PDB file of all heavy atoms in Angstrom:
ATOM      1  N   HIS A   1      37.628  26.922 -16.198  1.00  0.00           N
ATOM      2  CA  HIS A   1      37.032  27.053 -14.866  1.00  0.00           C
ATOM      3  C   HIS A   1      38.100  27.187 -13.773  1.00  0.00           C
ATOM      4  O   HIS A   1      38.119  26.472 -12.866  1.00  0.00           O
ATOM      5  CB  HIS A   1      36.134  25.823 -14.642  1.00  0.00           C
ATOM      6  CG  HIS A   1      35.012  25.625 -15.534  1.00  0.00           C
ATOM      7  ND1 HIS A   1      35.136  24.971 -16.737  1.00  0.00           N
ATOM      8  CD2 HIS A   1      33.745  26.074 -15.592  1.00  0.00           C
ATOM      9  CE1 HIS A   1      34.040  24.986 -17.479  1.00  0.00           C
ATOM     10  NE2 HIS A   1      33.181  25.648 -16.804  1.00  0.00           N
ATOM     11  N   PRO A   2      38.830  28.317 -13.844  1.00  0.00           N
ATOM     12  CA  PRO A   2      39.768  28.610 -12.806  1.00  0.00           C
ATOM     13  C   PRO A   2      39.097  28.789 -11.470  1.00  0.00           C
ATOM     14  O   PRO A   2      37.936  29.305 -11.432  1.00  0.00           O
ATOM     15  CB  PRO A   2      40.494  29.838 -13.219  1.00  0.00           C
ATOM     16  CG  PRO A   2      39.622  30.520 -14.176  1.00  0.00           C
ATOM     17  CD  PRO A   2      38.856  29.393 -14.830  1.00  0.00           C
ATOM     18  N   LEU A   3      39.808  28.463 -10.362  1.00  0.00           N
ATOM     19  CA  LEU A   3      39.136  28.603  -9.086  1.00  0.00           C
ATOM     20  C   LEU A   3      39.741  29.614  -8.126  1.00  0.00           C
ATOM     21  O   LEU A   3      39.316  29.860  -7.056  1.00  0.00           O
ATOM     22  CB  LEU A   3      39.430  27.267  -8.292  1.00  0.00           C
ATOM     23  CG  LEU A   3      38.825  26.050  -8.829  1.00  0.00           C
ATOM     24  CD1 LEU A   3      39.102  24.735  -7.987  1.00  0.00           C
ATOM     25  CD2 LEU A   3      37.302  26.139  -9.019  1.00  0.00           C
ATOM     26  N   SER A   4      40.508  30.549  -8.854  1.00  0.00           N
ATOM     27  CA  SER A   4      41.000  31.745  -8.155  1.00  0.00           C
ATOM     28  C   SER A   4      41.202  32.843  -9.118  1.00  0.00           C
ATOM     29  O   SER A   4      41.263  32.573 -10.385  1.00  0.00           O
ATOM     30  CB  SER A   4      42.414  31.371  -7.514  1.00  0.00           C
ATOM     31  OG  SER A   4      43.390  31.240  -8.513  1.00  0.00           O
ATOM     32  N   LEU A   5      41.219  34.091  -8.739  1.00  0.00           N
ATOM     33  CA  LEU A   5      41.391  35.302  -9.630  1.00  0.00           C
ATOM     34  C   LEU A   5      42.819  35.054 -10.245  1.00  0.00           C
ATOM     35  O   LEU A   5      42.962  35.508 -11.335  1.00  0.00           O
ATOM     36  CB  LEU A   5      41.179  36.465  -8.943  1.00  0.00           C
ATOM     37  CG  LEU A   5      41.379  37.697  -9.873  1.00  0.00           C
ATOM     38  CD1 LEU A   5      40.277  37.760 -10.834  1.00  0.00           C
ATOM     39  CD2 LEU A   5      41.428  39.004  -9.018  1.00  0.00           C
ATOM     40  N   TYR A   6      43.819  34.625  -9.453  1.00  0.00           N
ATOM     41  CA  TYR A   6      45.176  34.531  -9.997  1.00  0.00           C
ATOM     42  C   TYR A   6      45.064  33.564 -11.246  1.00  0.00           C
ATOM     43  O   TYR A   6      45.575  33.948 -12.320  1.00  0.00           O
ATOM     44  CB  TYR A   6      46.084  33.927  -8.891  1.00  0.00           C
ATOM     45  CG  TYR A   6      47.423  33.475  -9.542  1.00  0.00           C
ATOM     46  CD1 TYR A   6      48.320  34.479  -9.923  1.00  0.00           C
ATOM     47  CD2 TYR A   6      47.729  32.100  -9.650  1.00  0.00           C
ATOM     48  CE1 TYR A   6      49.491  34.108 -10.409  1.00  0.00           C
ATOM     49  CE2 TYR A   6      48.887  31.803 -10.197  1.00  0.00           C
ATOM     50  CZ  TYR A   6      49.856  32.720 -10.612  1.00  0.00           C
ATOM     51  OH  TYR A   6      51.047  32.350 -11.151  1.00  0.00           O
ATOM     52  N   GLY A   7      44.362  32.503 -11.169  1.00  0.00           N
ATOM     53  CA  GLY A   7      44.324  31.574 -12.212  1.00  0.00           C
ATOM     54  C   GLY A   7      43.577  32.202 -13.361  1.00  0.00           C
ATOM     55  O   GLY A   7      43.911  32.066 -14.528  1.00  0.00           O
ATOM     56  N   ALA A   8      42.491  32.969 -13.124  1.00  0.00           N
ATOM     57  CA  ALA A   8      41.751  33.698 -14.091  1.00  0.00           C
ATOM     58  C   ALA A   8      42.640  34.756 -14.906  1.00  0.00           C
ATOM     59  O   ALA A   8      42.614  34.843 -16.109  1.00  0.00           O
ATOM     60  CB  ALA A   8      40.614  34.448 -13.516  1.00  0.00           C
ATOM     61  N   THR A   9      43.568  35.495 -14.182  1.00  0.00           N
ATOM     62  CA  THR A   9      44.395  36.298 -14.886  1.00  0.00           C
ATOM     63  C   THR A   9      45.424  35.707 -15.834  1.00  0.00           C
ATOM     64  O   THR A   9      45.680  36.164 -16.823  1.00  0.00           O
ATOM     65  CB  THR A   9      45.218  37.201 -13.848  1.00  0.00           C
ATOM     66  OG1 THR A   9      46.048  36.504 -13.052  1.00  0.00           O
ATOM     67  CG2 THR A   9      44.250  38.032 -12.982  1.00  0.00           C
ATOM     68  N   LYS A  10      45.831  34.491 -15.378  1.00  0.00           N
ATOM     69  CA  LYS A  10      46.799  33.681 -16.180  1.00  0.00           C
ATOM     70  C   LYS A  10      46.079  33.194 -17.574  1.00  0.00           C
ATOM     71  O   LYS A  10      46.677  33.107 -18.573  1.00  0.00           O
ATOM     72  CB  LYS A  10      47.385  32.646 -15.413  1.00  0.00           C
ATOM     73  CG  LYS A  10      48.439  33.107 -14.418  1.00  0.00           C
ATOM     74  CD  LYS A  10      49.567  33.842 -15.047  1.00  0.00           C
ATOM     75  CE  LYS A  10      50.657  34.292 -14.209  1.00  0.00           C
ATOM     76  NZ  LYS A  10      51.776  34.927 -14.929  1.00  0.00           N
ATOM     77  N   LYS A  11      44.824  32.735 -17.299  1.00  0.00           N
ATOM     78  CA  LYS A  11      43.989  32.361 -18.448  1.00  0.00           C
ATOM     79  C   LYS A  11      43.791  33.554 -19.398  1.00  0.00           C
ATOM     80  O   LYS A  11      43.903  33.404 -20.656  1.00  0.00           O
ATOM     81  CB  LYS A  11      42.676  31.780 -18.033  1.00  0.00           C
ATOM     82  CG  LYS A  11      41.824  31.409 -19.071  1.00  0.00           C
ATOM     83  CD  LYS A  11      42.348  30.300 -19.991  1.00  0.00           C
ATOM     84  CE  LYS A  11      41.310  29.769 -21.053  1.00  0.00           C
ATOM     85  NZ  LYS A  11      41.871  28.680 -21.847  1.00  0.00           N
ATOM     86  N   ALA A  12      43.584  34.749 -18.857  1.00  0.00           N
ATOM     87  CA  ALA A  12      43.463  35.940 -19.671  1.00  0.00           C
ATOM     88  C   ALA A  12      44.683  36.262 -20.467  1.00  0.00           C
ATOM     89  O   ALA A  12      44.597  36.612 -21.613  1.00  0.00           O
ATOM     90  CB  ALA A  12      43.047  37.130 -18.740  1.00  0.00           C
ATOM     91  N   ASN A  13      45.914  36.069 -19.818  1.00  0.00           N
ATOM     92  CA  ASN A  13      47.143  36.192 -20.602  1.00  0.00           C
ATOM     93  C   ASN A  13      47.128  35.331 -21.807  1.00  0.00           C
ATOM     94  O   ASN A  13      47.662  35.757 -22.851  1.00  0.00           O
ATOM     95  CB  ASN A  13      48.283  35.920 -19.626  1.00  0.00           C
ATOM     96  CG  ASN A  13      48.628  36.916 -18.602  1.00  0.00           C
ATOM     97  OD1 ASN A  13      49.412  36.718 -17.776  1.00  0.00           O
ATOM     98  ND2 ASN A  13      47.862  38.031 -18.663  1.00  0.00           N
ATOM     99  N   GLU A  14      46.785  34.027 -21.663  1.00  0.00           N
ATOM    100  CA  GLU A  14      46.823  33.145 -22.756  1.00  0.00           C
ATOM    101  C   GLU A  14      45.994  33.597 -23.964  1.00  0.00           C
ATOM    102  O   GLU A  14      46.392  33.629 -25.120  1.00  0.00           O
ATOM    103  CB  GLU A  14      46.374  31.764 -22.308  1.00  0.00           C
ATOM    104  CG  GLU A  14      47.329  31.131 -21.345  1.00  0.00           C
ATOM    105  CD  GLU A  14      46.808  29.803 -20.814  1.00  0.00           C
ATOM    106  OE1 GLU A  14      45.817  29.343 -21.269  1.00  0.00           O
ATOM    107  OE2 GLU A  14      47.565  29.219 -20.009  1.00  0.00           O
ATOM    108  N   VAL A  15      44.796  34.019 -23.606  1.00  0.00           N
ATOM    109  CA  VAL A  15      43.862  34.441 -24.874  1.00  0.00           C
ATOM    110  C   VAL A  15      44.331  35.742 -25.313  1.00  0.00           C
ATOM    111  O   VAL A  15      44.115  36.058 -26.515  1.00  0.00           O
ATOM    112  CB  VAL A  15      42.379  34.400 -24.360  1.00  0.00           C
ATOM    113  CG1 VAL A  15      42.020  32.934 -23.997  1.00  0.00           C
ATOM    114  CG2 VAL A  15      42.106  35.310 -23.179  1.00  0.00           C
ATOM    115  N   MET A  16      44.765  36.652 -24.500  1.00  0.00           N
ATOM    116  CA  MET A  16      45.305  37.909 -24.957  1.00  0.00           C
ATOM    117  C   MET A  16      46.437  37.752 -25.910  1.00  0.00           C
ATOM    118  O   MET A  16      46.593  38.366 -26.973  1.00  0.00           O
ATOM    119  CB  MET A  16      45.759  38.883 -23.788  1.00  0.00           C
ATOM    120  CG  MET A  16      44.511  39.296 -22.893  1.00  0.00           C
ATOM    121  SD  MET A  16      45.198  40.037 -21.388  1.00  0.00           S
ATOM    122  CE  MET A  16      45.880  41.552 -21.990  1.00  0.00           C
ATOM    123  N   ALA A  17      47.424  36.887 -25.532  1.00  0.00           N
ATOM    124  CA  ALA A  17      48.667  36.638 -26.384  1.00  0.00           C
ATOM    125  C   ALA A  17      48.137  35.936 -27.747  1.00  0.00           C
ATOM    126  O   ALA A  17      48.735  36.420 -28.810  1.00  0.00           O
ATOM    127  CB  ALA A  17      49.556  35.655 -25.661  1.00  0.00           C
ATOM    128  N   HIS A  18      47.222  35.116 -27.695  1.00  0.00           N
ATOM    129  CA  HIS A  18      46.694  34.583 -28.987  1.00  0.00           C
ATOM    130  C   HIS A  18      46.066  35.654 -29.827  1.00  0.00           C
ATOM    131  O   HIS A  18      46.390  35.575 -30.992  1.00  0.00           O
ATOM    132  CB  HIS A  18      45.633  33.447 -28.682  1.00  0.00           C
ATOM    133  CG  HIS A  18      45.091  32.885 -30.021  1.00  0.00           C
ATOM    134  ND1 HIS A  18      44.035  33.340 -30.652  1.00  0.00           N
ATOM    135  CD2 HIS A  18      45.628  31.880 -30.840  1.00  0.00           C
ATOM    136  CE1 HIS A  18      43.867  32.696 -31.802  1.00  0.00           C
ATOM    137  NE2 HIS A  18      44.845  31.683 -31.881  1.00  0.00           N
ATOM    138  N   SER A  19      45.350  36.511 -29.296  1.00  0.00           N
ATOM    139  CA  SER A  19      44.722  37.571 -30.111  1.00  0.00           C
ATOM    140  C   SER A  19      45.815  38.359 -30.825  1.00  0.00           C
ATOM    141  O   SER A  19      45.784  38.763 -32.033  1.00  0.00           O
ATOM    142  CB  SER A  19      43.823  38.501 -29.232  1.00  0.00           C
ATOM    143  OG  SER A  19      44.584  39.308 -28.449  1.00  0.00           O
ATOM    144  N   TYR A  20      46.984  38.680 -30.082  1.00  0.00           N
ATOM    145  CA  TYR A  20      47.980  39.460 -30.739  1.00  0.00           C
ATOM    146  C   TYR A  20      48.815  38.654 -31.680  1.00  0.00           C
ATOM    147  O   TYR A  20      49.339  39.180 -32.733  1.00  0.00           O
ATOM    148  CB  TYR A  20      48.993  40.085 -29.661  1.00  0.00           C
ATOM    149  CG  TYR A  20      48.540  41.393 -29.100  1.00  0.00           C
ATOM    150  CD1 TYR A  20      47.306  41.530 -28.402  1.00  0.00           C
ATOM    151  CD2 TYR A  20      49.306  42.476 -29.386  1.00  0.00           C
ATOM    152  CE1 TYR A  20      46.864  42.835 -28.062  1.00  0.00           C
ATOM    153  CE2 TYR A  20      48.847  43.736 -28.955  1.00  0.00           C
ATOM    154  CZ  TYR A  20      47.612  43.944 -28.188  1.00  0.00           C
ATOM    155  OH  TYR A  20      47.233  45.182 -27.786  1.00  0.00           O
ATOM    156  N   ALA A  21      48.930  37.345 -31.490  1.00  0.00           N
ATOM    157  CA  ALA A  21      49.602  36.466 -32.453  1.00  0.00           C
ATOM    158  C   ALA A  21      48.839  36.488 -33.761  1.00  0.00           C
ATOM    159  O   ALA A  21      49.306  36.499 -34.852  1.00  0.00           O
ATOM    160  CB  ALA A  21      49.737  34.996 -31.876  1.00  0.00           C
ATOM    161  N   HIS A  22      47.515  36.389 -33.577  1.00  0.00           N
ATOM    162  CA  HIS A  22      46.559  36.368 -34.771  1.00  0.00           C
ATOM    163  C   HIS A  22      46.495  37.755 -35.514  1.00  0.00           C
ATOM    164  O   HIS A  22      46.559  37.705 -36.696  1.00  0.00           O
ATOM    165  CB  HIS A  22      45.146  35.989 -34.377  1.00  0.00           C
ATOM    166  CG  HIS A  22      44.069  36.115 -35.418  1.00  0.00           C
ATOM    167  ND1 HIS A  22      44.014  35.288 -36.442  1.00  0.00           N
ATOM    168  CD2 HIS A  22      43.180  37.148 -35.559  1.00  0.00           C
ATOM    169  CE1 HIS A  22      42.971  35.643 -37.196  1.00  0.00           C
ATOM    170  NE2 HIS A  22      42.496  36.697 -36.743  1.00  0.00           N
ATOM    171  N   LEU A  23      46.427  38.801 -34.776  1.00  0.00           N
ATOM    172  CA  LEU A  23      46.201  40.108 -35.427  1.00  0.00           C
ATOM    173  C   LEU A  23      47.435  40.615 -35.946  1.00  0.00           C
ATOM    174  O   LEU A  23      47.465  41.307 -37.021  1.00  0.00           O
ATOM    175  CB  LEU A  23      45.605  41.049 -34.403  1.00  0.00           C
ATOM    176  CG  LEU A  23      44.249  40.853 -33.888  1.00  0.00           C
ATOM    177  CD1 LEU A  23      43.899  41.772 -32.703  1.00  0.00           C
ATOM    178  CD2 LEU A  23      43.264  41.135 -35.122  1.00  0.00           C
ATOM    179  N   TYR A  24      48.636  40.359 -35.320  1.00  0.00           N
ATOM    180  CA  TYR A  24      49.867  41.100 -35.640  1.00  0.00           C
ATOM    181  C   TYR A  24      50.957  40.124 -35.981  1.00  0.00           C
ATOM    182  O   TYR A  24      52.155  40.598 -36.206  1.00  0.00           O
ATOM    183  CB  TYR A  24      50.288  42.100 -34.498  1.00  0.00           C
ATOM    184  CG  TYR A  24      49.181  42.999 -34.138  1.00  0.00           C
ATOM    185  CD1 TYR A  24      48.573  42.968 -32.787  1.00  0.00           C
ATOM    186  CD2 TYR A  24      48.648  44.000 -34.927  1.00  0.00           C
ATOM    187  CE1 TYR A  24      47.544  43.754 -32.401  1.00  0.00           C
ATOM    188  CE2 TYR A  24      47.558  44.724 -34.580  1.00  0.00           C
ATOM    189  CZ  TYR A  24      47.122  44.685 -33.380  1.00  0.00           C
ATOM    190  OH  TYR A  24      46.116  45.476 -32.955  1.00  0.00           O
ATOM    191  N   GLY A  25      50.750  38.868 -35.932  1.00  0.00           N
ATOM    192  CA  GLY A  25      51.782  37.885 -36.322  1.00  0.00           C
ATOM    193  C   GLY A  25      52.957  37.807 -35.252  1.00  0.00           C
ATOM    194  O   GLY A  25      54.069  37.380 -35.611  1.00  0.00           O
ATOM    195  N   ILE A  26      52.624  38.238 -34.054  1.00  0.00           N
ATOM    196  CA  ILE A  26      53.729  38.034 -33.034  1.00  0.00           C
ATOM    197  C   ILE A  26      53.858  36.685 -32.483  1.00  0.00           C
ATOM    198  O   ILE A  26      52.873  36.065 -31.859  1.00  0.00           O
ATOM    199  CB  ILE A  26      53.360  39.053 -31.780  1.00  0.00           C
ATOM    200  CG1 ILE A  26      53.287  40.533 -32.237  1.00  0.00           C
ATOM    201  CG2 ILE A  26      54.490  38.841 -30.664  1.00  0.00           C
ATOM    202  CD1 ILE A  26      52.757  41.424 -31.201  1.00  0.00           C
ATOM    203  N   PRO A  27      54.925  36.042 -32.670  1.00  0.00           N
ATOM    204  CA  PRO A  27      55.122  34.613 -32.236  1.00  0.00           C
ATOM    205  C   PRO A  27      55.040  34.560 -30.806  1.00  0.00           C
ATOM    206  O   PRO A  27      55.805  35.295 -30.133  1.00  0.00           O
ATOM    207  CB  PRO A  27      56.384  34.176 -32.709  1.00  0.00           C
ATOM    208  CG  PRO A  27      56.735  35.142 -33.941  1.00  0.00           C
ATOM    209  CD  PRO A  27      56.134  36.414 -33.514  1.00  0.00           C
ATOM    210  N   ALA A  28      54.094  33.796 -30.089  1.00  0.00           N
ATOM    211  CA  ALA A  28      54.007  33.834 -28.632  1.00  0.00           C
ATOM    212  C   ALA A  28      53.831  32.411 -28.214  1.00  0.00           C
ATOM    213  O   ALA A  28      53.096  31.547 -28.761  1.00  0.00           O
ATOM    214  CB  ALA A  28      52.684  34.541 -28.267  1.00  0.00           C
ATOM    215  N   THR A  29      54.550  32.020 -27.144  1.00  0.00           N
ATOM    216  CA  THR A  29      54.446  30.776 -26.376  1.00  0.00           C
ATOM    217  C   THR A  29      54.152  30.952 -24.923  1.00  0.00           C
ATOM    218  O   THR A  29      54.793  31.638 -24.332  1.00  0.00           O
ATOM    219  CB  THR A  29      55.778  30.085 -26.632  1.00  0.00           C
ATOM    220  OG1 THR A  29      56.059  29.870 -27.971  1.00  0.00           O
ATOM    221  CG2 THR A  29      55.644  28.641 -25.965  1.00  0.00           C
ATOM    222  N   GLY A  30      53.106  30.357 -24.483  1.00  0.00           N
ATOM    223  CA  GLY A  30      52.768  30.413 -23.158  1.00  0.00           C
ATOM    224  C   GLY A  30      53.150  29.188 -22.476  1.00  0.00           C
ATOM    225  O   GLY A  30      52.944  27.941 -22.975  1.00  0.00           O
ATOM    226  N   LEU A  31      53.769  29.210 -21.153  1.00  0.00           N
ATOM    227  CA  LEU A  31      54.266  28.094 -20.426  1.00  0.00           C
ATOM    228  C   LEU A  31      53.408  28.057 -19.055  1.00  0.00           C
ATOM    229  O   LEU A  31      53.364  28.935 -18.282  1.00  0.00           O
ATOM    230  CB  LEU A  31      55.644  28.181 -20.044  1.00  0.00           C
ATOM    231  CG  LEU A  31      56.574  28.271 -21.351  1.00  0.00           C
ATOM    232  CD1 LEU A  31      58.110  28.514 -20.831  1.00  0.00           C
ATOM    233  CD2 LEU A  31      56.582  26.919 -22.014  1.00  0.00           C
ATOM    234  N   ARG A  32      52.743  26.971 -18.956  1.00  0.00           N
ATOM    235  CA  ARG A  32      51.933  26.694 -17.592  1.00  0.00           C
ATOM    236  C   ARG A  32      52.863  26.136 -16.676  1.00  0.00           C
ATOM    237  O   ARG A  32      53.059  24.754 -16.758  1.00  0.00           O
ATOM    238  CB  ARG A  32      50.685  25.891 -17.957  1.00  0.00           C
ATOM    239  CG  ARG A  32      49.756  26.511 -18.808  1.00  0.00           C
ATOM    240  CD  ARG A  32      48.463  25.680 -19.239  1.00  0.00           C
ATOM    241  NE  ARG A  32      47.398  26.371 -19.896  1.00  0.00           N
ATOM    242  CZ  ARG A  32      46.404  25.833 -20.482  1.00  0.00           C
ATOM    243  NH1 ARG A  32      46.199  24.504 -20.415  1.00  0.00           N
ATOM    244  NH2 ARG A  32      45.519  26.575 -21.138  1.00  0.00           N
ATOM    245  N   PHE A  33      53.401  26.883 -15.691  1.00  0.00           N
ATOM    246  CA  PHE A  33      54.382  26.348 -14.759  1.00  0.00           C
ATOM    247  C   PHE A  33      53.610  25.507 -13.694  1.00  0.00           C
ATOM    248  O   PHE A  33      52.515  25.850 -13.229  1.00  0.00           O
ATOM    249  CB  PHE A  33      55.027  27.483 -14.078  1.00  0.00           C
ATOM    250  CG  PHE A  33      55.964  28.274 -14.944  1.00  0.00           C
ATOM    251  CD1 PHE A  33      55.851  29.472 -15.188  1.00  0.00           C
ATOM    252  CD2 PHE A  33      57.080  27.562 -15.479  1.00  0.00           C
ATOM    253  CE1 PHE A  33      56.806  30.217 -15.958  1.00  0.00           C
ATOM    254  CE2 PHE A  33      58.017  28.209 -16.413  1.00  0.00           C
ATOM    255  CZ  PHE A  33      57.843  29.586 -16.588  1.00  0.00           C
TER     256      PHE A  33
END
């Protein structure tokens, strides 16, 4: 439940990275600053 579009785009990055880690085996680490 992000409260800004900026937060929403960062959440999108997390799930996009997971999909590529799952599909293509790309090791990915997200850091919430």
